[in-house]
Amino acid sequence: YYNVIKEVASSMDFLMPQYYNGVTRPNTDGINGGVHESALQHFKTLVTDCFGNDPTKVVFGFCISDCSGTGSNSNAQQAVSVMNDLNKEYPCNGGAFFWVALHDTNGDWSQTVGRTVSQTRGCSSGSNPNPPSTPMPTPMPTPMPTPMPTPMPTPMPTPMPTPMPTPQPANEPDATPMPTPMPTPMPTPMPTPMPTPQPANEPDATPEPTPMPTPMPTPMPTAGKTPAPTPMPTPMPTDASTPVPTADNQCARRIGMWGGCMQNPNCCEAGLACYQQSRWWARCLRRCWYAPECKKISN
């Protein structure tokens, strides 16, 4: 599986290793390990051997409260401590994820850890992960100058025209004015009425009566045979003896098969036994190598 990851690493956006329920316990040992293997050393191997020294490709995984069987639960403060130690080694990393969202009550876990993870936000794009928090000064408003009132031009007085004196008439004998002749109106011609033509002396013509349409007789229905109804096909009986496969009779009885043996612990092939690794998972193995807490549940 590790070699497969190396082969496709150049096409992967990121990898999310679960640092819980396995060989590491960073919540109790710290990121450098102690009783269990070092989570930091595992993280470094992925960064250098798979992703060409790019730590932003690896996202650190935590379990909130569903991993008590393996002692892998991490509260928010434990996760913050682990991420702070990871930031010292890799200031620009892929961040963190957690299992499971249902247990993140009121968002307390994700908000606390998110404040630590957000310190490196944007580092992979070359931006400053910790921008200065100095508030920008609020510029003082520039007062707008009060415009000077535009003086209204004083209108020039309009000179009044000097009336010309009316000349006095010369002392001449009074002349009787000639009367102005009135135009003779033209007579309006009256239209000549057109003569009304007299009707010809013909005998009164009696109009022909309009014939009534003859109704067509309504045909009587012809007695015939009523067509028989089309028979509906009879459905074929369903064989109720055919069993429906269920999850109870399925089993990953060999190593390499997908699935587990939780529903049928005694289904493993000869040489294998069903080992339970958590309350959700069990599979057929020669021995339980995944975690020291697993147990054999087959006969």
C-alpha atoms as a PDB file:
ATOM      1  CA  TYR A   1       0.000   0.000   0.000  1.00  0.00           C
ATOM      2  CA  TYR A   2       2.848   2.382   0.834  1.00  0.00           C
ATOM      3  CA  ASN A   3       4.454   1.716  -2.562  1.00  0.00           C
ATOM      4  CA  VAL A   4       1.139   2.480  -4.275  1.00  0.00           C
ATOM      5  CA  ILE A   5       1.047   5.840  -2.478  1.00  0.00           C
ATOM      6  CA  LYS A   6       4.573   6.609  -3.670  1.00  0.00           C
ATOM      7  CA  GLU A   7       3.646   5.789  -7.266  1.00  0.00           C
ATOM      8  CA  VAL A   8       0.615   8.121  -7.354  1.00  0.00           C
ATOM      9  CA  ALA A   9       1.898  10.808  -4.953  1.00  0.00           C
ATOM     10  CA  SER A  10       2.432  13.325  -7.758  1.00  0.00           C
ATOM     11  CA  SER A  11      -1.287  13.115  -8.603  1.00  0.00           C
ATOM     12  CA  MET A  12      -2.541  13.438  -5.002  1.00  0.00           C
ATOM     13  CA  ASP A  13      -3.709  16.708  -3.482  1.00  0.00           C
ATOM     14  CA  PHE A  14      -3.136  15.491   0.063  1.00  0.00           C
ATOM     15  CA  LEU A  15      -2.989  12.388   2.299  1.00  0.00           C
ATOM     16  CA  MET A  16      -4.860  12.041   5.632  1.00  0.00           C
ATOM     17  CA  PRO A  17      -3.084   9.505   7.889  1.00  0.00           C
ATOM     18  CA  GLN A  18      -5.010   8.501  11.041  1.00  0.00           C
ATOM     19  CA  TYR A  19      -2.652   8.973  13.977  1.00  0.00           C
ATOM     20  CA  TYR A  20      -5.025   6.987  16.196  1.00  0.00           C
ATOM     21  CA  ASN A  21      -6.024   3.296  16.604  1.00  0.00           C
ATOM     22  CA  GLY A  22      -2.601   2.337  15.237  1.00  0.00           C
ATOM     23  CA  VAL A  23       1.049   2.221  16.197  1.00  0.00           C
ATOM     24  CA  THR A  24       1.251   5.858  17.377  1.00  0.00           C
ATOM     25  CA  ARG A  25      -0.279   7.620  20.399  1.00  0.00           C
ATOM     26  CA  PRO A  26       0.597  11.335  20.027  1.00  0.00           C
ATOM     27  CA  ASN A  27      -2.206  12.257  22.422  1.00  0.00           C
ATOM     28  CA  THR A  28      -0.389  10.570  25.352  1.00  0.00           C
ATOM     29  CA  ASP A  29       3.229  10.160  24.139  1.00  0.00           C
ATOM     30  CA  GLY A  30       3.516  13.494  22.340  1.00  0.00           C
ATOM     31  CA  ILE A  31       4.381  13.861  18.694  1.00  0.00           C
ATOM     32  CA  ASN A  32       7.917  12.489  19.244  1.00  0.00           C
ATOM     33  CA  GLY A  33       6.614   9.197  20.678  1.00  0.00           C
ATOM     34  CA  GLY A  34       7.447   7.328  23.856  1.00  0.00           C
ATOM     35  CA  VAL A  35       5.836   4.018  24.637  1.00  0.00           C
ATOM     36  CA  HIS A  36       4.589   3.902  21.051  1.00  0.00           C
ATOM     37  CA  GLU A  37       6.180   4.882  17.752  1.00  0.00           C
ATOM     38  CA  SER A  38       6.899   8.534  16.914  1.00  0.00           C
ATOM     39  CA  ALA A  39       4.107  10.196  14.944  1.00  0.00           C
ATOM     40  CA  LEU A  40       6.548  12.897  13.850  1.00  0.00           C
ATOM     41  CA  GLN A  41       8.942  10.337  12.354  1.00  0.00           C
ATOM     42  CA  HIS A  42       6.064   8.757  10.430  1.00  0.00           C
ATOM     43  CA  PHE A  43       4.994  12.248   9.229  1.00  0.00           C
ATOM     44  CA  LYS A  44       8.582  12.997   8.087  1.00  0.00           C
ATOM     45  CA  THR A  45       8.791   9.730   6.114  1.00  0.00           C
ATOM     46  CA  LEU A  46       5.684  10.635   4.145  1.00  0.00           C
ATOM     47  CA  VAL A  47       6.943  14.170   3.490  1.00  0.00           C
ATOM     48  CA  THR A  48      10.448  13.213   2.336  1.00  0.00           C
ATOM     49  CA  ASP A  49       9.912   9.803   0.754  1.00  0.00           C
ATOM     50  CA  CYS A  50       6.513  10.306  -0.934  1.00  0.00           C
ATOM     51  CA  PHE A  51       5.844  13.999  -1.486  1.00  0.00           C
ATOM     52  CA  GLY A  52       9.257  15.460  -2.324  1.00  0.00           C
ATOM     53  CA  ASN A  53       9.660  17.426   0.973  1.00  0.00           C
ATOM     54  CA  ASP A  54       6.232  19.068   0.664  1.00  0.00           C
ATOM     55  CA  PRO A  55       4.613  18.882   4.166  1.00  0.00           C
ATOM     56  CA  THR A  56       1.418  20.599   2.935  1.00  0.00           C
ATOM     57  CA  LYS A  57       0.436  17.258   1.338  1.00  0.00           C
ATOM     58  CA  VAL A  58       0.025  15.511   4.746  1.00  0.00           C
ATOM     59  CA  VAL A  59      -2.986  16.268   6.999  1.00  0.00           C
ATOM     60  CA  PHE A  60      -2.621  15.133  10.653  1.00  0.00           C
ATOM     61  CA  GLY A  61      -5.564  13.004  11.868  1.00  0.00           C
ATOM     62  CA  PHE A  62      -7.107  12.972  15.397  1.00  0.00           C
ATOM     63  CA  CYS A  63      -9.950  10.999  17.041  1.00  0.00           C
ATOM     64  CA  ILE A  64     -12.232  12.959  19.419  1.00  0.00           C
ATOM     65  CA  SER A  65     -14.086  10.341  21.486  1.00  0.00           C
ATOM     66  CA  ASP A  66     -14.712   7.176  19.453  1.00  0.00           C
ATOM     67  CA  CYS A  67     -11.295   5.546  20.026  1.00  0.00           C
ATOM     68  CA  SER A  68     -11.318   4.802  23.754  1.00  0.00           C
ATOM     69  CA  GLY A  69     -10.752   1.092  23.047  1.00  0.00           C
ATOM     70  CA  THR A  70      -7.232   1.876  21.842  1.00  0.00           C
ATOM     71  CA  GLY A  71      -6.617   4.860  24.128  1.00  0.00           C
ATOM     72  CA  SER A  72      -6.390   7.177  21.117  1.00  0.00           C
ATOM     73  CA  ASN A  73      -8.941   9.863  22.013  1.00  0.00           C
ATOM     74  CA  SER A  74      -7.529  13.409  21.896  1.00  0.00           C
ATOM     75  CA  ASN A  75      -9.250  16.339  23.532  1.00  0.00           C
ATOM     76  CA  ALA A  76      -8.862  19.818  22.067  1.00  0.00           C
ATOM     77  CA  GLN A  77      -5.934  20.835  24.287  1.00  0.00           C
ATOM     78  CA  GLN A  78      -3.997  17.633  23.491  1.00  0.00           C
ATOM     79  CA  ALA A  79      -4.530  18.224  19.771  1.00  0.00           C
ATOM     80  CA  VAL A  80      -3.377  21.865  20.095  1.00  0.00           C
ATOM     81  CA  SER A  81      -0.185  20.700  21.842  1.00  0.00           C
ATOM     82  CA  VAL A  82       0.541  18.173  19.054  1.00  0.00           C
ATOM     83  CA  MET A  83      -0.069  20.752  16.290  1.00  0.00           C
ATOM     84  CA  ASN A  84       2.148  23.328  18.030  1.00  0.00           C
ATOM     85  CA  ASP A  85       4.980  20.760  18.112  1.00  0.00           C
ATOM     86  CA  LEU A  86       4.339  19.915  14.438  1.00  0.00           C
ATOM     87  CA  ASN A  87       4.458  23.628  13.530  1.00  0.00           C
ATOM     88  CA  LYS A  88       7.918  23.878  15.101  1.00  0.00           C
ATOM     89  CA  GLU A  89       9.201  21.147  12.771  1.00  0.00           C
ATOM     90  CA  TYR A  90       7.090  22.117   9.728  1.00  0.00           C
ATOM     91  CA  PRO A  91       5.785  25.703  10.004  1.00  0.00           C
ATOM     92  CA  CYS A  92       3.888  25.164   6.751  1.00  0.00           C
ATOM     93  CA  ASN A  93       1.998  21.856   6.908  1.00  0.00           C
ATOM     94  CA  GLY A  94      -1.283  20.357   5.701  1.00  0.00           C
ATOM     95  CA  GLY A  95      -3.263  21.119   8.885  1.00  0.00           C
ATOM     96  CA  ALA A  96      -5.462  18.656  10.779  1.00  0.00           C
ATOM     97  CA  PHE A  97      -8.679  16.641  10.514  1.00  0.00           C
ATOM     98  CA  PHE A  98     -10.710  14.788  13.140  1.00  0.00           C
ATOM     99  CA  TRP A  99     -13.106  11.831  13.584  1.00  0.00           C
ATOM    100  CA  VAL A 100     -16.006  12.298  13.976  1.00  0.00           C
ATOM    101  CA  ALA A 101     -18.054  15.509  13.408  1.00  0.00           C
ATOM    102  CA  LEU A 102     -20.959  14.105  15.467  1.00  0.00           C
ATOM    103  CA  HIS A 103     -18.798  14.276  18.605  1.00  0.00           C
ATOM    104  CA  ASP A 104     -17.708  17.892  18.051  1.00  0.00           C
ATOM    105  CA  THR A 105     -20.283  19.245  20.532  1.00  0.00           C
ATOM    106  CA  ASN A 106     -21.140  22.890  19.776  1.00  0.00           C
ATOM    107  CA  GLY A 107     -17.959  23.020  17.674  1.00  0.00           C
ATOM    108  CA  ASP A 108     -15.792  23.336  20.813  1.00  0.00           C
ATOM    109  CA  TRP A 109     -13.076  20.925  19.579  1.00  0.00           C
ATOM    110  CA  SER A 110     -12.848  22.255  16.012  1.00  0.00           C
ATOM    111  CA  GLN A 111     -12.903  25.928  17.058  1.00  0.00           C
ATOM    112  CA  THR A 112     -10.083  25.454  19.607  1.00  0.00           C
ATOM    113  CA  VAL A 113      -7.865  23.433  17.247  1.00  0.00           C
ATOM    114  CA  GLY A 114      -8.852  25.585  14.272  1.00  0.00           C
ATOM    115  CA  ARG A 115      -7.278  28.677  15.844  1.00  0.00           C
ATOM    116  CA  THR A 116      -3.926  26.870  15.927  1.00  0.00           C
ATOM    117  CA  VAL A 117      -4.241  25.436  12.410  1.00  0.00           C
ATOM    118  CA  SER A 118      -5.241  28.832  10.965  1.00  0.00           C
ATOM    119  CA  GLN A 119      -1.832  30.262  11.932  1.00  0.00           C
ATOM    120  CA  THR A 120      -0.323  28.539   8.853  1.00  0.00           C
ATOM    121  CA  ARG A 121      -3.222  29.244   6.506  1.00  0.00           C
ATOM    122  CA  GLY A 122      -2.067  30.310   3.039  1.00  0.00           C
ATOM    123  CA  CYS A 123       1.588  29.372   3.607  1.00  0.00           C
ATOM    124  CA  SER A 124       1.660  26.962   0.648  1.00  0.00           C
ATOM    125  CA  SER A 125       0.797  29.802  -1.753  1.00  0.00           C
ATOM    126  CA  GLY A 126       3.716  31.917  -0.564  1.00  0.00           C
ATOM    127  CA  SER A 127       1.677  34.392   1.476  1.00  0.00           C
ATOM    128  CA  ASN A 128       2.576  35.318   5.034  1.00  0.00           C
ATOM    129  CA  PRO A 129       0.836  32.806   7.348  1.00  0.00           C
ATOM    130  CA  ASN A 130       0.939  35.263  10.247  1.00  0.00           C
ATOM    131  CA  PRO A 131       0.026  38.707   8.884  1.00  0.00           C
ATOM    132  CA  PRO A 132       0.583  41.623  11.267  1.00  0.00           C
ATOM    133  CA  SER A 133      -2.435  42.472  13.339  1.00  0.00           C
ATOM    134  CA  THR A 134      -1.616  46.193  13.588  1.00  0.00           C
ATOM    135  CA  PRO A 135      -4.867  48.010  12.946  1.00  0.00           C
ATOM    136  CA  MET A 136      -4.816  50.432  10.084  1.00  0.00           C
ATOM    137  CA  PRO A 137      -5.377  54.054  11.190  1.00  0.00           C
ATOM    138  CA  THR A 138      -8.703  55.498  10.251  1.00  0.00           C
ATOM    139  CA  PRO A 139      -8.046  58.470   7.972  1.00  0.00           C
ATOM    140  CA  MET A 140      -9.454  61.787   9.107  1.00  0.00           C
ATOM    141  CA  PRO A 141     -12.170  63.068   6.817  1.00  0.00           C
ATOM    142  CA  THR A 142     -10.965  65.846   4.538  1.00  0.00           C
ATOM    143  CA  PRO A 143     -13.219  68.865   4.988  1.00  0.00           C
ATOM    144  CA  MET A 144     -14.755  70.028   1.791  1.00  0.00           C
ATOM    145  CA  PRO A 145     -14.134  73.725   1.103  1.00  0.00           C
ATOM    146  CA  THR A 146     -17.195  75.947   1.334  1.00  0.00           C
ATOM    147  CA  PRO A 147     -17.749  77.373  -2.110  1.00  0.00           C
ATOM    148  CA  MET A 148     -17.839  81.142  -2.348  1.00  0.00           C
ATOM    149  CA  PRO A 149     -21.180  82.481  -3.448  1.00  0.00           C
ATOM    150  CA  THR A 150     -21.212  83.480  -7.079  1.00  0.00           C
ATOM    151  CA  PRO A 151     -22.174  87.164  -7.303  1.00  0.00           C
ATOM    152  CA  MET A 152     -25.166  87.810  -9.453  1.00  0.00           C
ATOM    153  CA  PRO A 153     -24.423  90.325 -12.215  1.00  0.00           C
ATOM    154  CA  THR A 154     -26.151  93.670 -11.829  1.00  0.00           C
ATOM    155  CA  PRO A 155     -28.413  94.173 -14.842  1.00  0.00           C
ATOM    156  CA  MET A 156     -27.801  97.233 -16.867  1.00  0.00           C
ATOM    157  CA  PRO A 157     -30.784  99.583 -16.918  1.00  0.00           C
ATOM    158  CA  THR A 158     -32.716  99.408 -20.143  1.00  0.00           C
ATOM    159  CA  PRO A 159     -32.864 102.909 -21.652  1.00  0.00           C
ATOM    160  CA  MET A 160     -36.355 104.119 -22.270  1.00  0.00           C
ATOM    161  CA  PRO A 161     -36.888 105.368 -25.840  1.00  0.00           C
ATOM    162  CA  THR A 162     -37.470 109.056 -26.166  1.00  0.00           C
ATOM    163  CA  PRO A 163     -40.843 109.589 -27.844  1.00  0.00           C
ATOM    164  CA  MET A 164     -40.706 111.503 -31.039  1.00  0.00           C
ATOM    165  CA  PRO A 165     -42.852 114.655 -31.059  1.00  0.00           C
ATOM    166  CA  THR A 166     -46.010 114.380 -33.090  1.00  0.00           C
ATOM    167  CA  PRO A 167     -45.875 116.910 -35.878  1.00  0.00           C
ATOM    168  CA  GLN A 168     -48.711 119.394 -35.925  1.00  0.00           C
ATOM    169  CA  PRO A 169     -50.840 119.407 -39.095  1.00  0.00           C
ATOM    170  CA  ALA A 170     -50.391 122.352 -41.422  1.00  0.00           C
ATOM    171  CA  ASN A 171     -53.097 124.950 -41.509  1.00  0.00           C
ATOM    172  CA  GLU A 172     -54.984 123.615 -44.450  1.00  0.00           C
ATOM    173  CA  PRO A 173     -58.716 123.587 -45.144  1.00  0.00           C
ATOM    174  CA  ASP A 174     -60.431 120.549 -43.705  1.00  0.00           C
ATOM    175  CA  ALA A 175     -60.488 117.889 -46.313  1.00  0.00           C
ATOM    176  CA  THR A 176     -63.445 115.545 -46.359  1.00  0.00           C
ATOM    177  CA  PRO A 177     -62.092 112.025 -46.381  1.00  0.00           C
ATOM    178  CA  MET A 178     -63.163 109.774 -49.178  1.00  0.00           C
ATOM    179  CA  PRO A 179     -65.320 106.870 -48.008  1.00  0.00           C
ATOM    180  CA  THR A 180     -63.710 103.446 -48.326  1.00  0.00           C
ATOM    181  CA  PRO A 181     -65.794 101.382 -50.793  1.00  0.00           C
ATOM    182  CA  MET A 182     -67.057  98.063 -49.361  1.00  0.00           C
ATOM    183  CA  PRO A 183     -66.434  94.977 -51.532  1.00  0.00           C
ATOM    184  CA  THR A 184     -69.494  93.520 -53.238  1.00  0.00           C
ATOM    185  CA  PRO A 185     -69.994  89.960 -51.981  1.00  0.00           C
ATOM    186  CA  MET A 186     -70.109  87.215 -54.598  1.00  0.00           C
ATOM    187  CA  PRO A 187     -73.391  85.265 -54.677  1.00  0.00           C
ATOM    188  CA  THR A 188     -73.154  81.703 -53.354  1.00  0.00           C
ATOM    189  CA  PRO A 189     -74.363  79.283 -55.996  1.00  0.00           C
ATOM    190  CA  MET A 190     -77.085  76.860 -54.826  1.00  0.00           C
ATOM    191  CA  PRO A 191     -76.616  73.181 -55.827  1.00  0.00           C
ATOM    192  CA  THR A 192     -79.059  71.880 -58.419  1.00  0.00           C
ATOM    193  CA  PRO A 193     -80.967  68.898 -56.968  1.00  0.00           C
ATOM    194  CA  MET A 194     -80.743  65.642 -58.865  1.00  0.00           C
ATOM    195  CA  PRO A 195     -84.118  64.411 -60.185  1.00  0.00           C
ATOM    196  CA  THR A 196     -85.570  61.425 -58.385  1.00  0.00           C
ATOM    197  CA  PRO A 197     -86.097  58.581 -60.845  1.00  0.00           C
ATOM    198  CA  GLN A 198     -89.662  57.393 -61.120  1.00  0.00           C
ATOM    199  CA  PRO A 199     -90.225  53.589 -60.750  1.00  0.00           C
ATOM    200  CA  ALA A 200     -91.085  51.806 -63.947  1.00  0.00           C
ATOM    201  CA  ASN A 201     -94.696  50.811 -64.399  1.00  0.00           C
ATOM    202  CA  GLU A 202     -94.241  47.128 -63.702  1.00  0.00           C
ATOM    203  CA  PRO A 203     -96.567  44.697 -61.944  1.00  0.00           C
ATOM    204  CA  ASP A 204     -95.807  44.112 -58.272  1.00  0.00           C
ATOM    205  CA  ALA A 205     -93.405  41.189 -58.040  1.00  0.00           C
ATOM    206  CA  THR A 206     -94.214  38.702 -55.321  1.00  0.00           C
ATOM    207  CA  PRO A 207     -90.971  37.463 -53.666  1.00  0.00           C
ATOM    208  CA  GLU A 208     -90.244  33.781 -53.955  1.00  0.00           C
ATOM    209  CA  PRO A 209     -90.575  31.860 -50.625  1.00  0.00           C
ATOM    210  CA  THR A 210     -87.303  30.611 -49.100  1.00  0.00           C
ATOM    211  CA  PRO A 211     -87.338  26.779 -49.132  1.00  0.00           C
ATOM    212  CA  MET A 212     -86.814  25.064 -45.731  1.00  0.00           C
ATOM    213  CA  PRO A 213     -84.019  22.455 -45.592  1.00  0.00           C
ATOM    214  CA  THR A 214     -85.161  18.868 -45.496  1.00  0.00           C
ATOM    215  CA  PRO A 215     -83.798  17.193 -42.308  1.00  0.00           C
ATOM    216  CA  MET A 216     -81.660  14.107 -42.866  1.00  0.00           C
ATOM    217  CA  PRO A 217     -82.991  10.950 -41.219  1.00  0.00           C
ATOM    218  CA  THR A 218     -81.056   9.786 -38.146  1.00  0.00           C
ATOM    219  CA  PRO A 219     -79.619   6.329 -38.870  1.00  0.00           C
ATOM    220  CA  MET A 220     -80.685   3.613 -36.524  1.00  0.00           C
ATOM    221  CA  PRO A 221     -77.815   1.686 -34.803  1.00  0.00           C
ATOM    222  CA  THR A 222     -77.037  -1.591 -36.523  1.00  0.00           C
ATOM    223  CA  ALA A 223     -77.221  -4.519 -34.193  1.00  0.00           C
ATOM    224  CA  GLY A 224     -73.929  -6.329 -34.046  1.00  0.00           C
ATOM    225  CA  LYS A 225     -71.700  -8.328 -31.801  1.00  0.00           C
ATOM    226  CA  THR A 226     -70.110  -6.598 -28.803  1.00  0.00           C
ATOM    227  CA  PRO A 227     -66.299  -7.011 -29.033  1.00  0.00           C
ATOM    228  CA  ALA A 228     -64.874  -9.295 -26.413  1.00  0.00           C
ATOM    229  CA  PRO A 229     -62.587  -7.644 -23.796  1.00  0.00           C
ATOM    230  CA  THR A 230     -58.839  -8.105 -24.305  1.00  0.00           C
ATOM    231  CA  PRO A 231     -57.563 -10.581 -21.687  1.00  0.00           C
ATOM    232  CA  MET A 232     -54.835  -9.280 -19.312  1.00  0.00           C
ATOM    233  CA  PRO A 233     -51.621 -11.385 -19.180  1.00  0.00           C
ATOM    234  CA  THR A 234     -51.312 -13.569 -16.127  1.00  0.00           C
ATOM    235  CA  PRO A 235     -48.069 -12.672 -14.195  1.00  0.00           C
ATOM    236  CA  MET A 236     -45.583 -15.470 -13.759  1.00  0.00           C
ATOM    237  CA  PRO A 237     -45.326 -16.677 -10.150  1.00  0.00           C
ATOM    238  CA  THR A 238     -42.277 -15.512  -8.268  1.00  0.00           C
ATOM    239  CA  ASP A 239     -40.080 -18.229  -6.852  1.00  0.00           C
ATOM    240  CA  ALA A 240     -40.155 -17.436  -3.126  1.00  0.00           C
ATOM    241  CA  SER A 241     -37.470 -20.036  -2.468  1.00  0.00           C
ATOM    242  CA  THR A 242     -34.707 -17.878  -4.047  1.00  0.00           C
ATOM    243  CA  PRO A 243     -32.664 -16.550  -1.087  1.00  0.00           C
ATOM    244  CA  VAL A 244     -31.743 -12.852  -0.928  1.00  0.00           C
ATOM    245  CA  PRO A 245     -28.108 -12.316  -0.070  1.00  0.00           C
ATOM    246  CA  THR A 246     -27.609 -10.466   3.194  1.00  0.00           C
ATOM    247  CA  ALA A 247     -24.606  -9.081   5.037  1.00  0.00           C
ATOM    248  CA  ASP A 248     -24.811 -12.009   7.538  1.00  0.00           C
ATOM    249  CA  ASN A 249     -23.681 -14.648   5.002  1.00  0.00           C
ATOM    250  CA  GLN A 250     -20.910 -12.576   3.493  1.00  0.00           C
ATOM    251  CA  CYS A 251     -17.347 -12.770   4.801  1.00  0.00           C
ATOM    252  CA  ALA A 252     -13.863 -11.694   3.752  1.00  0.00           C
ATOM    253  CA  ARG A 253     -12.539 -15.207   4.516  1.00  0.00           C
ATOM    254  CA  ARG A 254      -9.122 -14.669   2.887  1.00  0.00           C
ATOM    255  CA  ILE A 255      -6.419 -12.056   3.354  1.00  0.00           C
ATOM    256  CA  GLY A 256      -6.781  -9.466   0.594  1.00  0.00           C
ATOM    257  CA  MET A 257     -10.574  -9.739   0.273  1.00  0.00           C
ATOM    258  CA  TRP A 258     -12.550  -6.556   0.901  1.00  0.00           C
ATOM    259  CA  GLY A 259     -14.734  -6.720   4.006  1.00  0.00           C
ATOM    260  CA  GLY A 260     -14.511  -8.224   7.493  1.00  0.00           C
ATOM    261  CA  CYS A 261     -15.714 -11.107   9.675  1.00  0.00           C
ATOM    262  CA  MET A 262     -17.635  -9.230  12.383  1.00  0.00           C
ATOM    263  CA  GLN A 263     -20.992 -10.784  11.282  1.00  0.00           C
ATOM    264  CA  ASN A 264     -19.569 -14.340  10.911  1.00  0.00           C
ATOM    265  CA  PRO A 265     -16.429 -14.814  13.071  1.00  0.00           C
ATOM    266  CA  ASN A 266     -15.992 -18.514  12.155  1.00  0.00           C
ATOM    267  CA  CYS A 267     -15.924 -18.013   8.379  1.00  0.00           C
ATOM    268  CA  CYS A 268     -12.139 -17.565   7.988  1.00  0.00           C
ATOM    269  CA  GLU A 269     -10.102 -20.070   5.950  1.00  0.00           C
ATOM    270  CA  ALA A 270      -7.842 -22.626   7.601  1.00  0.00           C
ATOM    271  CA  GLY A 271      -4.804 -21.012   9.170  1.00  0.00           C
ATOM    272  CA  LEU A 272      -6.652 -17.697   9.790  1.00  0.00           C
ATOM    273  CA  ALA A 273      -8.721 -16.436  12.696  1.00  0.00           C
ATOM    274  CA  CYS A 274     -11.165 -13.547  13.131  1.00  0.00           C
ATOM    275  CA  TYR A 275      -9.606 -10.734  15.162  1.00  0.00           C
ATOM    276  CA  GLN A 276     -11.706  -7.793  16.422  1.00  0.00           C
ATOM    277  CA  GLN A 277      -9.762  -4.527  16.232  1.00  0.00           C
ATOM    278  CA  SER A 278     -12.505  -2.149  17.444  1.00  0.00           C
ATOM    279  CA  ARG A 279     -16.185  -2.327  18.216  1.00  0.00           C
ATOM    280  CA  TRP A 280     -16.878  -1.652  14.507  1.00  0.00           C
ATOM    281  CA  TRP A 281     -14.289  -3.813  12.743  1.00  0.00           C
ATOM    282  CA  ALA A 282     -12.914  -7.376  12.611  1.00  0.00           C
ATOM    283  CA  ARG A 283     -11.148  -9.339   9.869  1.00  0.00           C
ATOM    284  CA  CYS A 284      -9.402 -12.652   9.106  1.00  0.00           C
ATOM    285  CA  LEU A 285      -5.652 -12.646   9.942  1.00  0.00           C
ATOM    286  CA  ARG A 286      -2.880 -15.063  10.820  1.00  0.00           C
ATOM    287  CA  ARG A 287      -2.125 -12.877  13.844  1.00  0.00           C
ATOM    288  CA  CYS A 288      -3.269  -9.528  15.145  1.00  0.00           C
ATOM    289  CA  TRP A 289      -0.586  -7.057  14.060  1.00  0.00           C
ATOM    290  CA  TYR A 290      -2.710  -3.926  13.681  1.00  0.00           C
ATOM    291  CA  ALA A 291      -2.964  -2.912  17.349  1.00  0.00           C
ATOM    292  CA  PRO A 292      -2.110  -4.567  20.697  1.00  0.00           C
ATOM    293  CA  GLU A 293      -5.684  -4.025  21.893  1.00  0.00           C
ATOM    294  CA  CYS A 294      -7.365  -6.368  19.344  1.00  0.00           C
ATOM    295  CA  LYS A 295      -8.709  -9.788  20.352  1.00  0.00           C
ATOM    296  CA  LYS A 296      -9.566 -13.119  18.738  1.00  0.00           C
ATOM    297  CA  ILE A 297     -13.329 -13.710  18.509  1.00  0.00           C
ATOM    298  CA  SER A 298     -13.481 -16.890  16.362  1.00  0.00           C
ATOM    299  CA  ASN A 299     -13.604 -20.443  17.810  1.00  0.00           C
END
